[in-house]
């Protein structure tokens, strides 16, 4: 199928589930630490989660592979924070309807 015909169709088979598992573990850690859906109510969430993402990126770039608090890879936390940024930037208004 051409790209023009696929526009708007989500091909979930493209999601690497083995990598997504790490992201879900990071999300689960955050849910236990804070609350399950508290990330949705963070004021200025786009900026807050961008900052958190960049903090994990800086640690990873400095050679620190695992987050000291969770024991999970910084990359997993980066991906979780990226999802939160996407939600705050693109989905929050839709969720409020």
PDB file of N, CA and C in Angstrom:
ATOM      1  N   UNK A   1       0.854  -1.182   0.000  1.00  0.00           N
ATOM      2  CA  UNK A   1       0.000   0.000   0.000  1.00  0.00           C
ATOM      3  C   UNK A   1       0.895   1.239   0.000  1.00  0.00           C
ATOM      4  N   UNK A   2       0.576   2.210  -0.803  1.00  0.00           N
ATOM      5  CA  UNK A   2       1.382   3.426  -0.897  1.00  0.00           C
ATOM      6  C   UNK A   2       1.213   4.285   0.352  1.00  0.00           C
ATOM      7  N   UNK A   3       2.193   5.167   0.569  1.00  0.00           N
ATOM      8  CA  UNK A   3       2.131   6.061   1.725  1.00  0.00           C
ATOM      9  C   UNK A   3       0.883   6.938   1.682  1.00  0.00           C
ATOM     10  N   UNK A   4       0.481   7.375   0.490  1.00  0.00           N
ATOM     11  CA  UNK A   4      -0.693   8.240   0.397  1.00  0.00           C
ATOM     12  C   UNK A   4      -1.955   7.498   0.822  1.00  0.00           C
ATOM     13  N   UNK A   5      -2.016   6.218   0.574  1.00  0.00           N
ATOM     14  CA  UNK A   5      -3.192   5.439   0.975  1.00  0.00           C
ATOM     15  C   UNK A   5      -3.138   5.045   2.448  1.00  0.00           C
ATOM     16  N   UNK A   6      -1.940   5.035   3.038  1.00  0.00           N
ATOM     17  CA  UNK A   6      -1.781   4.647   4.439  1.00  0.00           C
ATOM     18  C   UNK A   6      -1.959   5.818   5.393  1.00  0.00           C
ATOM     19  N   UNK A   7      -2.036   7.031   4.868  1.00  0.00           N
ATOM     20  CA  UNK A   7      -2.110   8.205   5.721  1.00  0.00           C
ATOM     21  C   UNK A   7      -3.272   8.076   6.710  1.00  0.00           C
ATOM     22  N   UNK A   8      -2.959   8.238   7.991  1.00  0.00           N
ATOM     23  CA  UNK A   8      -3.982   8.181   9.021  1.00  0.00           C
ATOM     24  C   UNK A   8      -4.259   6.789   9.560  1.00  0.00           C
ATOM     25  N   UNK A   9      -3.632   5.777   8.972  1.00  0.00           N
ATOM     26  CA  UNK A   9      -3.837   4.410   9.443  1.00  0.00           C
ATOM     27  C   UNK A   9      -2.644   4.020  10.297  1.00  0.00           C
ATOM     28  N   UNK A  10      -2.895   3.682  11.544  1.00  0.00           N
ATOM     29  CA  UNK A  10      -1.821   3.294  12.458  1.00  0.00           C
ATOM     30  C   UNK A  10      -1.509   1.812  12.275  1.00  0.00           C
ATOM     31  N   UNK A  11      -0.279   1.516  11.909  1.00  0.00           N
ATOM     32  CA  UNK A  11       0.172   0.133  11.744  1.00  0.00           C
ATOM     33  C   UNK A  11       0.892  -0.286  13.022  1.00  0.00           C
ATOM     34  N   UNK A  12       0.132  -0.774  13.977  1.00  0.00           N
ATOM     35  CA  UNK A  12       0.664  -1.122  15.289  1.00  0.00           C
ATOM     36  C   UNK A  12       1.682  -2.252  15.228  1.00  0.00           C
ATOM     37  N   UNK A  13       1.707  -2.995  14.144  1.00  0.00           N
ATOM     38  CA  UNK A  13       2.692  -4.069  14.002  1.00  0.00           C
ATOM     39  C   UNK A  13       4.111  -3.506  13.908  1.00  0.00           C
ATOM     40  N   UNK A  14       4.244  -2.224  13.613  1.00  0.00           N
ATOM     41  CA  UNK A  14       5.561  -1.591  13.531  1.00  0.00           C
ATOM     42  C   UNK A  14       6.174  -1.315  14.903  1.00  0.00           C
ATOM     43  N   UNK A  15       5.368  -1.349  15.939  1.00  0.00           N
ATOM     44  CA  UNK A  15       5.855  -1.048  17.286  1.00  0.00           C
ATOM     45  C   UNK A  15       6.698  -2.217  17.803  1.00  0.00           C
ATOM     46  N   UNK A  16       7.976  -1.977  18.103  1.00  0.00           N
ATOM     47  CA  UNK A  16       8.816  -3.065  18.631  1.00  0.00           C
ATOM     48  C   UNK A  16       8.450  -3.349  20.093  1.00  0.00           C
ATOM     49  N   UNK A  17       7.675  -4.383  20.297  1.00  0.00           N
ATOM     50  CA  UNK A  17       7.131  -4.661  21.622  1.00  0.00           C
ATOM     51  C   UNK A  17       8.208  -4.984  22.650  1.00  0.00           C
ATOM     52  N   UNK A  18       9.314  -5.572  22.231  1.00  0.00           N
ATOM     53  CA  UNK A  18      10.378  -5.847  23.198  1.00  0.00           C
ATOM     54  C   UNK A  18      10.977  -4.549  23.735  1.00  0.00           C
ATOM     55  N   UNK A  19      11.082  -3.525  22.896  1.00  0.00           N
ATOM     56  CA  UNK A  19      11.559  -2.213  23.360  1.00  0.00           C
ATOM     57  C   UNK A  19      10.466  -1.492  24.148  1.00  0.00           C
ATOM     58  N   UNK A  20       9.226  -1.622  23.697  1.00  0.00           N
ATOM     59  CA  UNK A  20       8.109  -0.959  24.382  1.00  0.00           C
ATOM     60  C   UNK A  20       7.954  -1.479  25.810  1.00  0.00           C
ATOM     61  N   UNK A  21       8.324  -2.731  26.038  1.00  0.00           N
ATOM     62  CA  UNK A  21       8.238  -3.296  27.389  1.00  0.00           C
ATOM     63  C   UNK A  21       9.057  -2.464  28.378  1.00  0.00           C
ATOM     64  N   UNK A  22      10.245  -2.003  27.960  1.00  0.00           N
ATOM     65  CA  UNK A  22      11.072  -1.171  28.839  1.00  0.00           C
ATOM     66  C   UNK A  22      10.374   0.136  29.162  1.00  0.00           C
ATOM     67  N   UNK A  23       9.699   0.694  28.182  1.00  0.00           N
ATOM     68  CA  UNK A  23       8.971   1.950  28.387  1.00  0.00           C
ATOM     69  C   UNK A  23       7.824   1.725  29.367  1.00  0.00           C
ATOM     70  N   UNK A  24       7.125   0.617  29.217  1.00  0.00           N
ATOM     71  CA  UNK A  24       6.020   0.300  30.127  1.00  0.00           C
ATOM     72  C   UNK A  24       6.542   0.095  31.548  1.00  0.00           C
ATOM     73  N   UNK A  25       7.715  -0.497  31.683  1.00  0.00           N
ATOM     74  CA  UNK A  25       8.311  -0.634  33.018  1.00  0.00           C
ATOM     75  C   UNK A  25       8.604   0.739  33.628  1.00  0.00           C
ATOM     76  N   UNK A  26       9.103   1.673  32.821  1.00  0.00           N
ATOM     77  CA  UNK A  26       9.345   3.032  33.314  1.00  0.00           C
ATOM     78  C   UNK A  26       8.032   3.709  33.690  1.00  0.00           C
ATOM     79  N   UNK A  27       6.998   3.518  32.861  1.00  0.00           N
ATOM     80  CA  UNK A  27       5.678   4.077  33.174  1.00  0.00           C
ATOM     81  C   UNK A  27       5.134   3.485  34.465  1.00  0.00           C
ATOM     82  N   UNK A  28       5.329   2.182  34.666  1.00  0.00           N
ATOM     83  CA  UNK A  28       4.845   1.515  35.884  1.00  0.00           C
ATOM     84  C   UNK A  28       5.573   2.031  37.115  1.00  0.00           C
ATOM     85  N   UNK A  29       6.873   2.263  36.989  1.00  0.00           N
ATOM     86  CA  UNK A  29       7.637   2.833  38.104  1.00  0.00           C
ATOM     87  C   UNK A  29       7.075   4.202  38.474  1.00  0.00           C
ATOM     88  N   UNK A  30       6.852   5.037  37.462  1.00  0.00           N
ATOM     89  CA  UNK A  30       6.294   6.371  37.714  1.00  0.00           C
ATOM     90  C   UNK A  30       4.910   6.323  38.323  1.00  0.00           C
ATOM     91  N   UNK A  31       4.097   5.369  37.887  1.00  0.00           N
ATOM     92  CA  UNK A  31       2.741   5.237  38.430  1.00  0.00           C
ATOM     93  C   UNK A  31       2.779   4.859  39.906  1.00  0.00           C
ATOM     94  N   UNK A  32       3.718   4.000  40.280  1.00  0.00           N
ATOM     95  CA  UNK A  32       3.861   3.618  41.687  1.00  0.00           C
ATOM     96  C   UNK A  32       4.406   4.765  42.525  1.00  0.00           C
ATOM     97  N   UNK A  33       5.323   5.525  41.945  1.00  0.00           N
ATOM     98  CA  UNK A  33       5.949   6.637  42.682  1.00  0.00           C
ATOM     99  C   UNK A  33       4.994   7.811  42.844  1.00  0.00           C
ATOM    100  N   UNK A  34       4.251   8.131  41.797  1.00  0.00           N
ATOM    101  CA  UNK A  34       3.381   9.313  41.805  1.00  0.00           C
ATOM    102  C   UNK A  34       1.921   8.868  41.848  1.00  0.00           C
ATOM    103  N   UNK A  35       1.316   8.745  40.713  1.00  0.00           N
ATOM    104  CA  UNK A  35      -0.029   8.194  40.584  1.00  0.00           C
ATOM    105  C   UNK A  35      -0.183   7.712  39.151  1.00  0.00           C
ATOM    106  N   UNK A  36      -1.150   6.886  38.931  1.00  0.00           N
ATOM    107  CA  UNK A  36      -1.292   6.205  37.643  1.00  0.00           C
ATOM    108  C   UNK A  36      -1.418   7.170  36.458  1.00  0.00           C
ATOM    109  N   UNK A  37      -2.237   8.168  36.580  1.00  0.00           N
ATOM    110  CA  UNK A  37      -2.456   9.099  35.474  1.00  0.00           C
ATOM    111  C   UNK A  37      -2.147  10.548  35.861  1.00  0.00           C
ATOM    112  N   UNK A  38      -1.362  10.725  36.914  1.00  0.00           N
ATOM    113  CA  UNK A  38      -1.025  12.063  37.380  1.00  0.00           C
ATOM    114  C   UNK A  38      -0.290  12.903  36.352  1.00  0.00           C
ATOM    115  N   UNK A  39       0.431  12.264  35.450  1.00  0.00           N
ATOM    116  CA  UNK A  39       1.175  12.987  34.412  1.00  0.00           C
ATOM    117  C   UNK A  39       0.247  13.820  33.529  1.00  0.00           C
ATOM    118  N   UNK A  40      -1.030  13.452  33.461  1.00  0.00           N
ATOM    119  CA  UNK A  40      -1.975  14.195  32.634  1.00  0.00           C
ATOM    120  C   UNK A  40      -2.322  15.554  33.242  1.00  0.00           C
ATOM    121  N   UNK A  41      -2.151  15.684  34.549  1.00  0.00           N
ATOM    122  CA  UNK A  41      -2.556  16.899  35.252  1.00  0.00           C
ATOM    123  C   UNK A  41      -1.381  17.814  35.600  1.00  0.00           C
ATOM    124  N   UNK A  42      -0.198  17.509  35.117  1.00  0.00           N
ATOM    125  CA  UNK A  42       0.987  18.321  35.428  1.00  0.00           C
ATOM    126  C   UNK A  42       0.870  19.667  34.709  1.00  0.00           C
ATOM    127  N   UNK A  43       0.877  20.764  35.468  1.00  0.00           N
ATOM    128  CA  UNK A  43       0.845  22.081  34.820  1.00  0.00           C
ATOM    129  C   UNK A  43       2.074  22.253  33.928  1.00  0.00           C
ATOM    130  N   UNK A  44       1.860  22.852  32.764  1.00  0.00           N
ATOM    131  CA  UNK A  44       2.941  23.045  31.798  1.00  0.00           C
ATOM    132  C   UNK A  44       3.657  21.729  31.521  1.00  0.00           C
ATOM    133  N   UNK A  45       2.868  20.669  31.344  1.00  0.00           N
ATOM    134  CA  UNK A  45       3.402  19.322  31.173  1.00  0.00           C
ATOM    135  C   UNK A  45       4.369  19.178  30.017  1.00  0.00           C
ATOM    136  N   UNK A  46       4.092  19.862  28.918  1.00  0.00           N
ATOM    137  CA  UNK A  46       4.991  19.759  27.765  1.00  0.00           C
ATOM    138  C   UNK A  46       6.409  20.189  28.152  1.00  0.00           C
ATOM    139  N   UNK A  47       6.527  21.304  28.863  1.00  0.00           N
ATOM    140  CA  UNK A  47       7.831  21.807  29.274  1.00  0.00           C
ATOM    141  C   UNK A  47       8.450  20.934  30.365  1.00  0.00           C
ATOM    142  N   UNK A  48       7.635  20.516  31.325  1.00  0.00           N
ATOM    143  CA  UNK A  48       8.135  19.702  32.435  1.00  0.00           C
ATOM    144  C   UNK A  48       8.705  18.390  31.919  1.00  0.00           C
ATOM    145  N   UNK A  49       7.959  17.709  31.046  1.00  0.00           N
ATOM    146  CA  UNK A  49       8.413  16.402  30.583  1.00  0.00           C
ATOM    147  C   UNK A  49       9.525  16.514  29.545  1.00  0.00           C
ATOM    148  N   UNK A  50       9.598  17.629  28.824  1.00  0.00           N
ATOM    149  CA  UNK A  50      10.749  17.862  27.953  1.00  0.00           C
ATOM    150  C   UNK A  50      12.003  17.995  28.804  1.00  0.00           C
ATOM    151  N   UNK A  51      11.896  18.710  29.913  1.00  0.00           N
ATOM    152  CA  UNK A  51      13.031  18.868  30.819  1.00  0.00           C
ATOM    153  C   UNK A  51      13.471  17.527  31.394  1.00  0.00           C
ATOM    154  N   UNK A  52      12.514  16.714  31.807  1.00  0.00           N
ATOM    155  CA  UNK A  52      12.840  15.390  32.355  1.00  0.00           C
ATOM    156  C   UNK A  52      13.488  14.510  31.289  1.00  0.00           C
ATOM    157  N   UNK A  53      12.959  14.550  30.073  1.00  0.00           N
ATOM    158  CA  UNK A  53      13.531  13.792  28.966  1.00  0.00           C
ATOM    159  C   UNK A  53      14.989  14.197  28.753  1.00  0.00           C
ATOM    160  N   UNK A  54      15.240  15.502  28.729  1.00  0.00           N
ATOM    161  CA  UNK A  54      16.599  15.992  28.505  1.00  0.00           C
ATOM    162  C   UNK A  54      17.545  15.623  29.649  1.00  0.00           C
ATOM    163  N   UNK A  55      17.027  15.571  30.867  1.00  0.00           N
ATOM    164  CA  UNK A  55      17.842  15.137  32.006  1.00  0.00           C
ATOM    165  C   UNK A  55      18.293  13.693  31.849  1.00  0.00           C
ATOM    166  N   UNK A  56      17.372  12.825  31.413  1.00  0.00           N
ATOM    167  CA  UNK A  56      17.733  11.428  31.174  1.00  0.00           C
ATOM    168  C   UNK A  56      18.694  11.307  29.990  1.00  0.00           C
ATOM    169  N   UNK A  57      18.492  12.128  28.965  1.00  0.00           N
ATOM    170  CA  UNK A  57      19.400  12.124  27.814  1.00  0.00           C
ATOM    171  C   UNK A  57      20.810  12.543  28.236  1.00  0.00           C
ATOM    172  N   UNK A  58      20.896  13.580  29.053  1.00  0.00           N
ATOM    173  CA  UNK A  58      22.205  14.050  29.520  1.00  0.00           C
ATOM    174  C   UNK A  58      22.920  12.965  30.319  1.00  0.00           C
ATOM    175  N   UNK A  59      22.197  12.288  31.182  1.00  0.00           N
ATOM    176  CA  UNK A  59      22.797  11.209  31.980  1.00  0.00           C
ATOM    177  C   UNK A  59      23.267  10.074  31.069  1.00  0.00           C
ATOM    178  N   UNK A  60      22.446   9.715  30.102  1.00  0.00           N
ATOM    179  CA  UNK A  60      22.798   8.634  29.181  1.00  0.00           C
ATOM    180  C   UNK A  60      24.019   9.009  28.348  1.00  0.00           C
ATOM    181  N   UNK A  61      24.047  10.260  27.862  1.00  0.00           N
ATOM    182  CA  UNK A  61      25.173  10.723  27.044  1.00  0.00           C
ATOM    183  C   UNK A  61      26.464  10.778  27.870  1.00  0.00           C
ATOM    184  N   UNK A  62      26.321  10.969  29.179  1.00  0.00           N
ATOM    185  CA  UNK A  62      27.492  10.998  30.063  1.00  0.00           C
ATOM    186  C   UNK A  62      27.964   9.587  30.424  1.00  0.00           C
ATOM    187  N   UNK A  63      27.289   8.570  29.897  1.00  0.00           N
ATOM    188  CA  UNK A  63      27.712   7.199  30.136  1.00  0.00           C
ATOM    189  C   UNK A  63      26.941   6.466  31.209  1.00  0.00           C
ATOM    190  N   UNK A  64      25.994   7.143  31.831  1.00  0.00           N
ATOM    191  CA  UNK A  64      25.172   6.505  32.872  1.00  0.00           C
ATOM    192  C   UNK A  64      24.013   5.796  32.172  1.00  0.00           C
ATOM    193  N   UNK A  65      24.017   4.497  32.158  1.00  0.00           N
ATOM    194  CA  UNK A  65      23.002   3.749  31.417  1.00  0.00           C
ATOM    195  C   UNK A  65      21.714   3.535  32.212  1.00  0.00           C
ATOM    196  N   UNK A  66      21.831   3.372  33.520  1.00  0.00           N
ATOM    197  CA  UNK A  66      20.663   3.083  34.351  1.00  0.00           C
ATOM    198  C   UNK A  66      20.352   4.247  35.279  1.00  0.00           C
ATOM    199  N   UNK A  67      19.074   4.537  35.433  1.00  0.00           N
ATOM    200  CA  UNK A  67      18.602   5.542  36.381  1.00  0.00           C
ATOM    201  C   UNK A  67      18.836   5.016  37.792  1.00  0.00           C
ATOM    202  N   UNK A  68      19.474   5.814  38.629  1.00  0.00           N
ATOM    203  CA  UNK A  68      19.831   5.369  39.981  1.00  0.00           C
ATOM    204  C   UNK A  68      18.609   5.044  40.828  1.00  0.00           C
ATOM    205  N   UNK A  69      17.529   5.786  40.652  1.00  0.00           N
ATOM    206  CA  UNK A  69      16.346   5.589  41.497  1.00  0.00           C
ATOM    207  C   UNK A  69      15.551   4.353  41.094  1.00  0.00           C
ATOM    208  N   UNK A  70      15.313   4.192  39.807  1.00  0.00           N
ATOM    209  CA  UNK A  70      14.455   3.090  39.346  1.00  0.00           C
ATOM    210  C   UNK A  70      15.230   1.838  38.970  1.00  0.00           C
ATOM    211  N   UNK A  71      16.496   1.995  38.628  1.00  0.00           N
ATOM    212  CA  UNK A  71      17.280   0.873  38.136  1.00  0.00           C
ATOM    213  C   UNK A  71      16.980   0.524  36.689  1.00  0.00           C
ATOM    214  N   UNK A  72      16.155   1.323  36.052  1.00  0.00           N
ATOM    215  CA  UNK A  72      15.778   1.101  34.657  1.00  0.00           C
ATOM    216  C   UNK A  72      16.637   1.952  33.736  1.00  0.00           C
ATOM    217  N   UNK A  73      16.743   1.561  32.473  1.00  0.00           N
ATOM    218  CA  UNK A  73      17.545   2.344  31.537  1.00  0.00           C
ATOM    219  C   UNK A  73      17.025   3.776  31.371  1.00  0.00           C
ATOM    220  N   UNK A  74      17.954   4.720  31.313  1.00  0.00           N
ATOM    221  CA  UNK A  74      17.574   6.109  31.043  1.00  0.00           C
ATOM    222  C   UNK A  74      16.804   6.206  29.722  1.00  0.00           C
ATOM    223  N   UNK A  75      17.170   5.369  28.742  1.00  0.00           N
ATOM    224  CA  UNK A  75      16.476   5.393  27.450  1.00  0.00           C
ATOM    225  C   UNK A  75      14.986   5.096  27.614  1.00  0.00           C
ATOM    226  N   UNK A  76      14.638   4.197  28.521  1.00  0.00           N
ATOM    227  CA  UNK A  76      13.222   3.874  28.755  1.00  0.00           C
ATOM    228  C   UNK A  76      12.493   5.078  29.351  1.00  0.00           C
ATOM    229  N   UNK A  77      13.149   5.761  30.285  1.00  0.00           N
ATOM    230  CA  UNK A  77      12.547   6.966  30.868  1.00  0.00           C
ATOM    231  C   UNK A  77      12.426   8.078  29.827  1.00  0.00           C
ATOM    232  N   UNK A  78      13.421   8.180  28.943  1.00  0.00           N
ATOM    233  CA  UNK A  78      13.349   9.174  27.872  1.00  0.00           C
ATOM    234  C   UNK A  78      12.124   8.918  26.999  1.00  0.00           C
ATOM    235  N   UNK A  79      11.919   7.671  26.616  1.00  0.00           N
ATOM    236  CA  UNK A  79      10.786   7.333  25.753  1.00  0.00           C
ATOM    237  C   UNK A  79       9.457   7.612  26.456  1.00  0.00           C
ATOM    238  N   UNK A  80       9.377   7.283  27.740  1.00  0.00           N
ATOM    239  CA  UNK A  80       8.149   7.554  28.497  1.00  0.00           C
ATOM    240  C   UNK A  80       7.877   9.058  28.535  1.00  0.00           C
ATOM    241  N   UNK A  81       8.911   9.838  28.808  1.00  0.00           N
ATOM    242  CA  UNK A  81       8.739  11.291  28.842  1.00  0.00           C
ATOM    243  C   UNK A  81       8.394  11.843  27.467  1.00  0.00           C
ATOM    244  N   UNK A  82       8.952  11.262  26.412  1.00  0.00           N
ATOM    245  CA  UNK A  82       8.609  11.692  25.052  1.00  0.00           C
ATOM    246  C   UNK A  82       7.126  11.451  24.781  1.00  0.00           C
ATOM    247  N   UNK A  83       6.600  10.324  25.235  1.00  0.00           N
ATOM    248  CA  UNK A  83       5.162  10.060  25.075  1.00  0.00           C
ATOM    249  C   UNK A  83       4.328  11.099  25.821  1.00  0.00           C
ATOM    250  N   UNK A  84       4.774  11.487  27.001  1.00  0.00           N
ATOM    251  CA  UNK A  84       4.050  12.506  27.761  1.00  0.00           C
ATOM    252  C   UNK A  84       4.082  13.852  27.047  1.00  0.00           C
ATOM    253  N   UNK A  85       5.226  14.193  26.455  1.00  0.00           N
ATOM    254  CA  UNK A  85       5.331  15.444  25.695  1.00  0.00           C
ATOM    255  C   UNK A  85       4.367  15.408  24.516  1.00  0.00           C
ATOM    256  N   UNK A  86       4.352  14.301  23.792  1.00  0.00           N
ATOM    257  CA  UNK A  86       3.430  14.158  22.657  1.00  0.00           C
ATOM    258  C   UNK A  86       1.999  14.318  23.130  1.00  0.00           C
ATOM    259  N   UNK A  87       1.648  13.678  24.240  1.00  0.00           N
ATOM    260  CA  UNK A  87       0.270  13.764  24.736  1.00  0.00           C
ATOM    261  C   UNK A  87      -0.079  15.202  25.097  1.00  0.00           C
ATOM    262  N   UNK A  88       0.794  15.869  25.838  1.00  0.00           N
ATOM    263  CA  UNK A  88       0.504  17.250  26.248  1.00  0.00           C
ATOM    264  C   UNK A  88       0.444  18.189  25.042  1.00  0.00           C
ATOM    265  N   UNK A  89       1.297  17.942  24.053  1.00  0.00           N
ATOM    266  CA  UNK A  89       1.341  18.830  22.894  1.00  0.00           C
ATOM    267  C   UNK A  89       0.225  18.555  21.890  1.00  0.00           C
ATOM    268  N   UNK A  90      -0.151  17.288  21.719  1.00  0.00           N
ATOM    269  CA  UNK A  90      -1.060  16.938  20.632  1.00  0.00           C
ATOM    270  C   UNK A  90      -2.398  16.341  21.049  1.00  0.00           C
ATOM    271  N   UNK A  91      -2.477  15.767  22.233  1.00  0.00           N
ATOM    272  CA  UNK A  91      -3.676  15.003  22.595  1.00  0.00           C
ATOM    273  C   UNK A  91      -4.483  15.592  23.733  1.00  0.00           C
ATOM    274  N   UNK A  92      -3.889  16.436  24.549  1.00  0.00           N
ATOM    275  CA  UNK A  92      -4.553  16.931  25.763  1.00  0.00           C
ATOM    276  C   UNK A  92      -5.872  17.611  25.461  1.00  0.00           C
ATOM    277  N   UNK A  93      -5.907  18.451  24.437  1.00  0.00           N
ATOM    278  CA  UNK A  93      -7.151  19.145  24.090  1.00  0.00           C
ATOM    279  C   UNK A  93      -8.232  18.178  23.651  1.00  0.00           C
ATOM    280  N   UNK A  94      -7.834  17.136  22.921  1.00  0.00           N
ATOM    281  CA  UNK A  94      -8.794  16.112  22.486  1.00  0.00           C
ATOM    282  C   UNK A  94      -9.349  15.348  23.677  1.00  0.00           C
ATOM    283  N   UNK A  95      -8.474  15.038  24.657  1.00  0.00           N
ATOM    284  CA  UNK A  95      -8.899  14.283  25.842  1.00  0.00           C
ATOM    285  C   UNK A  95      -9.872  15.091  26.691  1.00  0.00           C
ATOM    286  N   UNK A  96      -9.784  16.409  26.635  1.00  0.00           N
ATOM    287  CA  UNK A  96     -10.640  17.270  27.455  1.00  0.00           C
ATOM    288  C   UNK A  96     -12.045  17.395  26.875  1.00  0.00           C
ATOM    289  N   UNK A  97     -12.225  17.001  25.616  1.00  0.00           N
ATOM    290  CA  UNK A  97     -13.548  17.148  24.986  1.00  0.00           C
ATOM    291  C   UNK A  97     -14.546  16.169  25.533  1.00  0.00           C
TER     292      UNK A  97
END
